[in-house]
Amino acid sequence: MLERMPLVLCQVCSRHVRDSEPECPFCHAAVVVGPPPPRPDGRVSRATAAAIALSASVALSACGGDKTPGPGGGDASSDVEPVPTAQPAYGAPAPFDAGTDAPVVGPAYGAPAPDGG
């Protein structure tokens, strides 16, 4: 098992240095070992608690559906038939030719422009 080395930040170059070193091996500044930083007490601030509560309420309200009964007696969502769309499912070929029957007025895309003279 690896042993943990206590590290401190160098006051000059902000790199981690062993607290047993007399000077920083990077910038050669004297290493100052002060009191350890205060540890968090594990409590959650009011702002954090409010943000968590708000996020949870938004997430839970977004998951709910329309529960008003439809004419068939069930949920309104079960009585609605899907609306057909012109776009095919992702990756599927188009169900019909999407071309145009009107004559093309301009040149094809990428083709040179016709002479005007």
N, C-alpha and C. Protein backbone atom coordinates (compact mmCIF):
# COMPACT_ATOMS: atom_id res chain seq x y z
N MET A 1 0.84 -1.18 0.00
CA MET A 1 0.00 0.00 0.00
C MET A 1 0.89 1.25 0.00
N LEU A 2 0.47 2.21 -0.78
CA LEU A 2 1.27 3.44 -0.87
C LEU A 2 1.02 4.33 0.32
N GLU A 3 2.10 4.96 0.76
CA GLU A 3 1.98 5.89 1.86
C GLU A 3 1.75 7.29 1.29
N ARG A 4 0.86 8.04 1.89
CA ARG A 4 0.56 9.39 1.43
C ARG A 4 1.60 10.36 1.95
N MET A 5 2.02 11.26 1.06
CA MET A 5 2.98 12.28 1.46
C MET A 5 2.22 13.58 1.69
N PRO A 6 2.46 14.23 2.81
CA PRO A 6 1.83 15.53 3.02
C PRO A 6 2.47 16.55 2.07
N LEU A 7 1.64 17.20 1.29
CA LEU A 7 2.11 18.19 0.33
C LEU A 7 1.59 19.56 0.70
N VAL A 8 2.35 20.58 0.36
CA VAL A 8 1.94 21.97 0.54
C VAL A 8 2.17 22.69 -0.79
N LEU A 9 1.51 23.81 -0.95
CA LEU A 9 1.71 24.62 -2.15
C LEU A 9 2.86 25.59 -1.93
N CYS A 10 3.71 25.67 -2.94
CA CYS A 10 4.79 26.65 -2.89
C CYS A 10 4.18 28.05 -3.00
N GLN A 11 4.63 28.97 -2.17
CA GLN A 11 4.09 30.32 -2.15
C GLN A 11 4.45 31.09 -3.43
N VAL A 12 5.51 30.69 -4.12
CA VAL A 12 5.99 31.43 -5.29
C VAL A 12 5.43 30.84 -6.59
N CYS A 13 5.63 29.53 -6.80
CA CYS A 13 5.24 28.95 -8.10
C CYS A 13 3.95 28.14 -8.04
N SER A 14 3.35 27.98 -6.88
CA SER A 14 2.07 27.29 -6.67
C SER A 14 2.10 25.83 -7.09
N ARG A 15 3.25 25.19 -6.99
CA ARG A 15 3.36 23.76 -7.27
C ARG A 15 3.35 23.01 -5.94
N HIS A 16 2.95 21.74 -5.99
CA HIS A 16 2.94 20.92 -4.79
C HIS A 16 4.35 20.48 -4.44
N VAL A 17 4.68 20.64 -3.17
CA VAL A 17 6.00 20.30 -2.66
C VAL A 17 5.80 19.53 -1.37
N ARG A 18 6.68 18.54 -1.10
CA ARG A 18 6.62 17.83 0.17
C ARG A 18 6.86 18.81 1.31
N ASP A 19 6.13 18.63 2.38
CA ASP A 19 6.32 19.58 3.48
C ASP A 19 7.62 19.32 4.24
N SER A 20 8.29 18.21 3.95
CA SER A 20 9.57 17.94 4.59
C SER A 20 10.73 18.59 3.84
N GLU A 21 10.50 19.11 2.64
CA GLU A 21 11.56 19.75 1.85
C GLU A 21 11.83 21.15 2.40
N PRO A 22 13.10 21.55 2.49
CA PRO A 22 13.40 22.91 2.97
C PRO A 22 13.14 23.97 1.92
N GLU A 23 13.24 23.60 0.63
CA GLU A 23 12.99 24.57 -0.44
C GLU A 23 12.26 23.88 -1.59
N CYS A 24 11.60 24.68 -2.41
CA CYS A 24 10.86 24.17 -3.57
C CYS A 24 11.86 23.66 -4.60
N PRO A 25 11.70 22.43 -5.11
CA PRO A 25 12.65 21.92 -6.10
C PRO A 25 12.48 22.58 -7.47
N PHE A 26 11.42 23.33 -7.67
CA PHE A 26 11.17 23.95 -8.97
C PHE A 26 11.70 25.38 -9.03
N CYS A 27 11.36 26.20 -8.01
CA CYS A 27 11.79 27.61 -8.04
C CYS A 27 12.79 27.94 -6.95
N HIS A 28 13.12 26.97 -6.09
CA HIS A 28 14.11 27.11 -5.01
C HIS A 28 13.72 28.16 -3.97
N ALA A 29 12.44 28.41 -3.81
CA ALA A 29 11.97 29.31 -2.75
C ALA A 29 11.81 28.50 -1.47
N ALA A 30 11.90 29.17 -0.35
CA ALA A 30 11.76 28.49 0.94
C ALA A 30 10.33 28.00 1.11
N VAL A 31 10.18 26.77 1.58
CA VAL A 31 8.85 26.18 1.78
C VAL A 31 8.35 26.59 3.16
N VAL A 32 7.18 27.21 3.19
CA VAL A 32 6.57 27.65 4.44
C VAL A 32 5.41 26.70 4.74
N VAL A 33 5.53 26.01 5.88
CA VAL A 33 4.47 25.08 6.29
C VAL A 33 3.63 25.79 7.32
N GLY A 34 2.37 26.00 6.99
CA GLY A 34 1.45 26.67 7.90
C GLY A 34 0.44 25.68 8.44
N PRO A 35 -0.55 26.18 9.13
CA PRO A 35 -1.59 25.29 9.65
C PRO A 35 -2.36 24.67 8.47
N PRO A 36 -2.88 23.46 8.63
CA PRO A 36 -3.63 22.85 7.54
C PRO A 36 -4.91 23.64 7.26
N PRO A 37 -5.38 23.64 6.02
CA PRO A 37 -6.60 24.38 5.70
C PRO A 37 -7.79 23.78 6.43
N PRO A 38 -8.77 24.59 6.74
CA PRO A 38 -9.94 24.07 7.46
C PRO A 38 -10.69 23.05 6.60
N ARG A 39 -11.13 22.00 7.23
CA ARG A 39 -11.88 20.97 6.52
C ARG A 39 -13.35 21.36 6.49
N PRO A 40 -14.06 21.04 5.44
CA PRO A 40 -15.49 21.33 5.42
C PRO A 40 -16.21 20.51 6.48
N ASP A 41 -17.22 21.10 7.07
CA ASP A 41 -17.91 20.42 8.17
C ASP A 41 -19.00 19.47 7.69
N GLY A 42 -19.21 19.35 6.39
CA GLY A 42 -20.19 18.40 5.87
C GLY A 42 -21.59 18.95 5.76
N ARG A 43 -21.80 20.18 6.19
CA ARG A 43 -23.14 20.76 6.08
C ARG A 43 -23.34 21.34 4.69
N VAL A 44 -24.57 21.42 4.27
CA VAL A 44 -24.92 21.99 2.97
C VAL A 44 -25.47 23.39 3.22
N SER A 45 -25.01 24.35 2.45
CA SER A 45 -25.50 25.72 2.62
C SER A 45 -26.94 25.83 2.15
N ARG A 46 -27.60 26.90 2.56
CA ARG A 46 -28.99 27.10 2.15
C ARG A 46 -29.12 27.27 0.65
N ALA A 47 -28.15 27.94 0.03
CA ALA A 47 -28.20 28.12 -1.42
C ALA A 47 -28.07 26.79 -2.15
N THR A 48 -27.20 25.92 -1.67
CA THR A 48 -27.04 24.60 -2.29
C THR A 48 -28.30 23.77 -2.10
N ALA A 49 -28.88 23.80 -0.91
CA ALA A 49 -30.11 23.05 -0.66
C ALA A 49 -31.25 23.56 -1.53
N ALA A 50 -31.35 24.88 -1.72
CA ALA A 50 -32.40 25.43 -2.57
C ALA A 50 -32.18 25.03 -4.03
N ALA A 51 -30.94 25.02 -4.48
CA ALA A 51 -30.65 24.62 -5.86
C ALA A 51 -30.98 23.15 -6.09
N ILE A 52 -30.68 22.31 -5.13
CA ILE A 52 -31.00 20.88 -5.24
C ILE A 52 -32.51 20.68 -5.26
N ALA A 53 -33.22 21.37 -4.39
CA ALA A 53 -34.68 21.25 -4.34
C ALA A 53 -35.32 21.73 -5.64
N LEU A 54 -34.83 22.84 -6.17
CA LEU A 54 -35.37 23.37 -7.42
C LEU A 54 -35.09 22.42 -8.57
N SER A 55 -33.89 21.88 -8.64
CA SER A 55 -33.55 20.93 -9.71
C SER A 55 -34.41 19.68 -9.62
N ALA A 56 -34.61 19.18 -8.42
CA ALA A 56 -35.43 17.98 -8.25
C ALA A 56 -36.88 18.24 -8.65
N SER A 57 -37.42 19.40 -8.27
CA SER A 57 -38.81 19.68 -8.62
C SER A 57 -38.99 19.87 -10.12
N VAL A 58 -38.02 20.49 -10.78
CA VAL A 58 -38.10 20.64 -12.24
C VAL A 58 -38.00 19.29 -12.92
N ALA A 59 -37.08 18.45 -12.45
CA ALA A 59 -36.91 17.13 -13.05
C ALA A 59 -38.16 16.28 -12.86
N LEU A 60 -38.75 16.32 -11.69
CA LEU A 60 -39.94 15.51 -11.45
C LEU A 60 -41.16 16.03 -12.19
N SER A 61 -41.28 17.34 -12.33
CA SER A 61 -42.43 17.87 -13.06
C SER A 61 -42.29 17.65 -14.55
N ALA A 62 -41.06 17.55 -15.05
CA ALA A 62 -40.87 17.31 -16.48
C ALA A 62 -41.18 15.87 -16.84
N CYS A 63 -41.13 14.96 -15.89
CA CYS A 63 -41.39 13.55 -16.17
C CYS A 63 -42.87 13.23 -16.18
N GLY A 64 -43.70 14.07 -15.63
CA GLY A 64 -45.13 13.79 -15.58
C GLY A 64 -45.79 14.03 -16.91
N GLY A 65 -46.79 13.24 -17.22
CA GLY A 65 -47.51 13.40 -18.48
C GLY A 65 -48.86 14.05 -18.24
N ASP A 66 -49.63 14.19 -19.29
CA ASP A 66 -50.97 14.75 -19.20
C ASP A 66 -51.90 13.63 -18.74
N LYS A 67 -52.44 13.72 -17.55
CA LYS A 67 -53.24 12.66 -16.98
C LYS A 67 -54.74 12.95 -17.05
N THR A 68 -55.17 13.90 -17.88
CA THR A 68 -56.59 14.17 -18.01
C THR A 68 -57.22 13.06 -18.83
N PRO A 69 -58.37 12.52 -18.39
CA PRO A 69 -58.98 11.42 -19.14
C PRO A 69 -59.48 11.89 -20.50
N GLY A 70 -59.26 11.05 -21.48
CA GLY A 70 -59.73 11.34 -22.83
C GLY A 70 -61.12 10.76 -23.05
N PRO A 71 -61.64 10.85 -24.28
CA PRO A 71 -62.99 10.36 -24.54
C PRO A 71 -63.12 8.86 -24.33
N GLY A 72 -62.04 8.09 -24.45
CA GLY A 72 -62.12 6.65 -24.25
C GLY A 72 -62.04 6.25 -22.79
N GLY A 73 -61.85 7.20 -21.88
CA GLY A 73 -61.79 6.90 -20.46
C GLY A 73 -60.38 6.77 -19.94
N GLY A 74 -59.40 6.57 -20.80
CA GLY A 74 -58.01 6.42 -20.35
C GLY A 74 -57.30 7.75 -20.36
N ASP A 75 -55.99 7.68 -20.35
CA ASP A 75 -55.20 8.89 -20.44
C ASP A 75 -55.42 9.55 -21.80
N ALA A 76 -55.29 10.85 -21.83
CA ALA A 76 -55.43 11.57 -23.10
C ALA A 76 -54.33 11.17 -24.07
N SER A 77 -53.16 10.80 -23.53
CA SER A 77 -52.05 10.45 -24.41
C SER A 77 -52.30 9.13 -25.12
N SER A 78 -53.10 8.22 -24.54
CA SER A 78 -53.36 6.94 -25.20
C SER A 78 -54.43 7.05 -26.27
N ASP A 79 -55.26 8.11 -26.24
CA ASP A 79 -56.32 8.28 -27.22
C ASP A 79 -55.89 9.03 -28.46
N VAL A 80 -54.68 9.57 -28.47
CA VAL A 80 -54.20 10.38 -29.57
C VAL A 80 -53.44 9.50 -30.55
N GLU A 81 -53.81 9.59 -31.82
CA GLU A 81 -53.09 8.82 -32.82
C GLU A 81 -51.86 9.62 -33.25
N PRO A 82 -50.78 8.93 -33.60
CA PRO A 82 -49.59 9.67 -34.02
C PRO A 82 -49.84 10.41 -35.32
N VAL A 83 -49.27 11.59 -35.40
CA VAL A 83 -49.42 12.42 -36.60
C VAL A 83 -48.33 12.00 -37.59
N PRO A 84 -48.70 11.64 -38.83
CA PRO A 84 -47.66 11.26 -39.80
C PRO A 84 -46.81 12.47 -40.16
N THR A 85 -45.53 12.24 -40.30
CA THR A 85 -44.61 13.30 -40.67
C THR A 85 -43.98 13.00 -42.01
N ALA A 86 -43.45 14.01 -42.65
CA ALA A 86 -42.82 13.83 -43.96
C ALA A 86 -41.42 13.28 -43.84
N GLN A 87 -40.82 13.38 -42.66
CA GLN A 87 -39.46 12.89 -42.50
C GLN A 87 -39.47 11.42 -42.13
N PRO A 88 -38.59 10.64 -42.75
CA PRO A 88 -38.51 9.23 -42.36
C PRO A 88 -37.79 9.09 -41.03
N ALA A 89 -37.88 7.90 -40.46
CA ALA A 89 -37.15 7.62 -39.23
C ALA A 89 -35.66 7.76 -39.50
N TYR A 90 -34.91 8.04 -38.47
CA TYR A 90 -33.48 8.26 -38.62
C TYR A 90 -32.83 7.04 -39.25
N GLY A 91 -32.14 7.24 -40.38
CA GLY A 91 -31.44 6.17 -41.05
C GLY A 91 -32.27 5.41 -42.06
N ALA A 92 -33.58 5.60 -42.06
CA ALA A 92 -34.44 4.88 -43.00
C ALA A 92 -34.53 5.67 -44.31
N PRO A 93 -34.74 4.98 -45.44
CA PRO A 93 -34.88 5.71 -46.70
C PRO A 93 -36.19 6.48 -46.74
N ALA A 94 -36.23 7.50 -47.57
CA ALA A 94 -37.44 8.30 -47.71
C ALA A 94 -38.55 7.42 -48.30
N PRO A 95 -39.80 7.55 -47.78
CA PRO A 95 -40.87 6.69 -48.27
C PRO A 95 -41.40 7.08 -49.65
N PHE A 96 -41.03 8.23 -50.17
CA PHE A 96 -41.51 8.67 -51.48
C PHE A 96 -40.45 9.54 -52.13
N ASP A 97 -40.62 9.82 -53.41
CA ASP A 97 -39.69 10.69 -54.13
C ASP A 97 -39.98 12.12 -53.74
N ALA A 98 -38.99 12.79 -53.20
CA ALA A 98 -39.18 14.15 -52.75
C ALA A 98 -38.79 15.16 -53.82
N GLY A 99 -38.65 14.71 -55.06
CA GLY A 99 -38.26 15.60 -56.15
C GLY A 99 -39.38 16.55 -56.53
N THR A 100 -39.09 17.44 -57.46
CA THR A 100 -40.08 18.41 -57.89
C THR A 100 -40.45 18.16 -59.34
N ASP A 101 -41.69 18.40 -59.68
CA ASP A 101 -42.15 18.22 -61.06
C ASP A 101 -42.03 19.51 -61.86
N ALA A 102 -41.76 20.62 -61.18
CA ALA A 102 -41.65 21.90 -61.88
C ALA A 102 -40.31 21.95 -62.61
N PRO A 103 -40.27 22.65 -63.76
CA PRO A 103 -39.00 22.76 -64.48
C PRO A 103 -37.98 23.56 -63.67
N VAL A 104 -36.72 23.20 -63.80
CA VAL A 104 -35.65 23.87 -63.09
C VAL A 104 -35.33 25.17 -63.80
N VAL A 105 -35.35 26.29 -63.07
CA VAL A 105 -35.13 27.60 -63.67
C VAL A 105 -33.64 27.92 -63.76
N GLY A 106 -32.90 27.63 -62.73
CA GLY A 106 -31.49 27.97 -62.69
C GLY A 106 -30.63 26.75 -62.95
N PRO A 107 -29.32 26.95 -63.02
CA PRO A 107 -28.43 25.82 -63.24
C PRO A 107 -28.38 24.93 -61.99
N ALA A 108 -27.95 23.73 -62.19
CA ALA A 108 -27.80 22.81 -61.08
C ALA A 108 -26.74 23.36 -60.12
N TYR A 109 -26.84 23.00 -58.87
CA TYR A 109 -25.90 23.49 -57.87
C TYR A 109 -24.51 23.05 -58.22
N GLY A 110 -23.59 23.98 -58.31
CA GLY A 110 -22.20 23.68 -58.63
C GLY A 110 -21.89 23.78 -60.11
N ALA A 111 -22.89 23.85 -60.95
CA ALA A 111 -22.65 23.94 -62.40
C ALA A 111 -22.30 25.37 -62.75
N PRO A 112 -21.57 25.59 -63.84
CA PRO A 112 -21.26 26.95 -64.23
C PRO A 112 -22.53 27.70 -64.66
N ALA A 113 -22.55 29.01 -64.42
CA ALA A 113 -23.70 29.82 -64.79
C ALA A 113 -23.81 29.92 -66.32
N PRO A 114 -25.05 29.91 -66.86
CA PRO A 114 -25.22 30.02 -68.30
C PRO A 114 -24.82 31.42 -68.78
N ASP A 115 -24.35 31.50 -70.01
CA ASP A 115 -23.98 32.79 -70.60
C ASP A 115 -25.24 33.60 -70.84
N GLY A 116 -25.14 34.89 -70.59
CA GLY A 116 -26.29 35.77 -70.80
C GLY A 116 -26.33 36.34 -72.22
N GLY A 117 -25.39 36.06 -73.09
CA GLY A 117 -25.30 36.73 -74.36
C GLY A 117 -25.50 35.92 -75.50
